[in-house]
Amino acid sequence: MLTLSEEIFLLALDDDNGNILSFAKKPIGYGIGGAILSELVFQDRIQIGEKHRLTLKNSSPTGDEILDEAIVEIKQSDKAH
């Protein structure tokens, strides 16, 4: 089963040559980033707290390399999310 971010990536690909469609090049990063955060919410790893800030609830590995890297980035970040 594909993750939401993988599905968004596949939707942005040109069926003929496998390149990212020209109109999708700029917004794809936002879509994939949002999909990764959504997956983490679905798995109860993060939550939206006060003032719409992300809170890490569970930093244990998910088994998905991309989601695990996102958890590490959130955990190591000094900035409010």
C-alpha atoms as a PDB file:
ATOM      1  CA  MET A   1       0.000   0.000   0.000  1.00  0.00           C
ATOM      2  CA  LEU A   2       1.317   3.428  -0.928  1.00  0.00           C
ATOM      3  CA  THR A   3       1.565   6.309   1.489  1.00  0.00           C
ATOM      4  CA  LEU A   4      -0.223   9.555   0.760  1.00  0.00           C
ATOM      5  CA  SER A   5       3.068  11.253  -0.123  1.00  0.00           C
ATOM      6  CA  GLU A   6       3.926   8.471  -2.583  1.00  0.00           C
ATOM      7  CA  GLU A   7       0.522   8.805  -4.231  1.00  0.00           C
ATOM      8  CA  ILE A   8       0.925  12.574  -4.590  1.00  0.00           C
ATOM      9  CA  PHE A   9       4.363  12.054  -6.133  1.00  0.00           C
ATOM     10  CA  LEU A  10       2.982   9.549  -8.650  1.00  0.00           C
ATOM     11  CA  LEU A  11       0.152  11.920  -9.580  1.00  0.00           C
ATOM     12  CA  ALA A  12       2.731  14.592 -10.425  1.00  0.00           C
ATOM     13  CA  LEU A  13       4.602  12.351 -12.882  1.00  0.00           C
ATOM     14  CA  ASP A  14       4.162  12.526 -16.619  1.00  0.00           C
ATOM     15  CA  ASP A  15       2.918   9.117 -17.767  1.00  0.00           C
ATOM     16  CA  ASP A  16       4.889   9.327 -21.027  1.00  0.00           C
ATOM     17  CA  ASN A  17       8.392  10.141 -19.803  1.00  0.00           C
ATOM     18  CA  GLY A  18       8.340   9.766 -15.999  1.00  0.00           C
ATOM     19  CA  ASN A  19       9.357  13.375 -15.327  1.00  0.00           C
ATOM     20  CA  ILE A  20       7.510  15.632 -12.920  1.00  0.00           C
ATOM     21  CA  LEU A  21       4.887  17.617 -14.817  1.00  0.00           C
ATOM     22  CA  SER A  22       5.982  21.222 -15.362  1.00  0.00           C
ATOM     23  CA  PHE A  23       3.000  22.736 -13.560  1.00  0.00           C
ATOM     24  CA  ALA A  24       3.622  20.478 -10.536  1.00  0.00           C
ATOM     25  CA  LYS A  25       7.325  21.239 -10.005  1.00  0.00           C
ATOM     26  CA  LYS A  26       6.849  24.099  -7.537  1.00  0.00           C
ATOM     27  CA  PRO A  27       3.822  22.916  -5.530  1.00  0.00           C
ATOM     28  CA  ILE A  28       4.806  19.240  -5.243  1.00  0.00           C
ATOM     29  CA  GLY A  29       7.081  19.906  -2.264  1.00  0.00           C
ATOM     30  CA  TYR A  30       4.228  21.473  -0.330  1.00  0.00           C
ATOM     31  CA  GLY A  31       1.903  18.611  -1.183  1.00  0.00           C
ATOM     32  CA  ILE A  32       4.391  15.935  -0.177  1.00  0.00           C
ATOM     33  CA  GLY A  33       5.316  17.821   3.004  1.00  0.00           C
ATOM     34  CA  GLY A  34       1.667  18.104   3.962  1.00  0.00           C
ATOM     35  CA  ALA A  35       1.119  14.432   3.188  1.00  0.00           C
ATOM     36  CA  ILE A  36       4.036  13.427   5.424  1.00  0.00           C
ATOM     37  CA  LEU A  37       2.651  15.491   8.288  1.00  0.00           C
ATOM     38  CA  SER A  38      -0.799  14.001   7.681  1.00  0.00           C
ATOM     39  CA  GLU A  39       0.624  10.468   7.841  1.00  0.00           C
ATOM     40  CA  LEU A  40       2.283  11.332  11.165  1.00  0.00           C
ATOM     41  CA  VAL A  41      -1.040  12.652  12.499  1.00  0.00           C
ATOM     42  CA  PHE A  42      -2.867   9.516  11.287  1.00  0.00           C
ATOM     43  CA  GLN A  43      -0.302   7.366  13.110  1.00  0.00           C
ATOM     44  CA  ASP A  44      -0.704   9.488  16.262  1.00  0.00           C
ATOM     45  CA  ARG A  45       2.963  10.562  16.165  1.00  0.00           C
ATOM     46  CA  ILE A  46       2.313  14.304  16.163  1.00  0.00           C
ATOM     47  CA  GLN A  47      -0.552  16.556  17.120  1.00  0.00           C
ATOM     48  CA  ILE A  48      -1.505  20.151  16.557  1.00  0.00           C
ATOM     49  CA  GLY A  49      -1.266  21.972  19.875  1.00  0.00           C
ATOM     50  CA  GLU A  50      -1.846  25.499  21.051  1.00  0.00           C
ATOM     51  CA  LYS A  51      -1.345  28.277  18.528  1.00  0.00           C
ATOM     52  CA  HIS A  52      -1.367  25.618  15.780  1.00  0.00           C
ATOM     53  CA  ARG A  53       2.086  24.289  16.750  1.00  0.00           C
ATOM     54  CA  LEU A  54       3.171  20.712  16.099  1.00  0.00           C
ATOM     55  CA  THR A  55       3.831  18.582  19.154  1.00  0.00           C
ATOM     56  CA  LEU A  56       5.748  15.332  18.901  1.00  0.00           C
ATOM     57  CA  LYS A  57       3.791  12.644  20.773  1.00  0.00           C
ATOM     58  CA  ASN A  58       5.686   9.499  19.873  1.00  0.00           C
ATOM     59  CA  SER A  59       9.223   9.512  18.477  1.00  0.00           C
ATOM     60  CA  SER A  60       9.639   5.750  18.104  1.00  0.00           C
ATOM     61  CA  PRO A  61      10.430   4.522  14.567  1.00  0.00           C
ATOM     62  CA  THR A  62       7.506   3.949  12.213  1.00  0.00           C
ATOM     63  CA  GLY A  63       9.335   1.584   9.884  1.00  0.00           C
ATOM     64  CA  ASP A  64       8.982   4.076   7.036  1.00  0.00           C
ATOM     65  CA  GLU A  65      12.263   5.812   6.186  1.00  0.00           C
ATOM     66  CA  ILE A  66      10.667   9.109   5.149  1.00  0.00           C
ATOM     67  CA  LEU A  67       8.348   9.342   8.153  1.00  0.00           C
ATOM     68  CA  ASP A  68      11.179   8.391  10.518  1.00  0.00           C
ATOM     69  CA  GLU A  69      13.372  11.140   9.060  1.00  0.00           C
ATOM     70  CA  ALA A  70      10.545  13.654   9.511  1.00  0.00           C
ATOM     71  CA  ILE A  71      10.241  12.616  13.173  1.00  0.00           C
ATOM     72  CA  VAL A  72      13.996  13.101  13.651  1.00  0.00           C
ATOM     73  CA  GLU A  73      13.822  16.550  12.033  1.00  0.00           C
ATOM     74  CA  ILE A  74      10.910  17.603  14.245  1.00  0.00           C
ATOM     75  CA  LYS A  75      12.604  16.222  17.346  1.00  0.00           C
ATOM     76  CA  GLN A  76      15.929  17.973  16.644  1.00  0.00           C
ATOM     77  CA  SER A  77      14.463  21.311  15.597  1.00  0.00           C
ATOM     78  CA  ASP A  78      14.826  24.163  18.077  1.00  0.00           C
ATOM     79  CA  LYS A  79      12.181  26.249  16.323  1.00  0.00           C
ATOM     80  CA  ALA A  80       8.509  26.149  17.222  1.00  0.00           C
ATOM     81  CA  HIS A  81       6.657  24.023  14.672  1.00  0.00           C
END
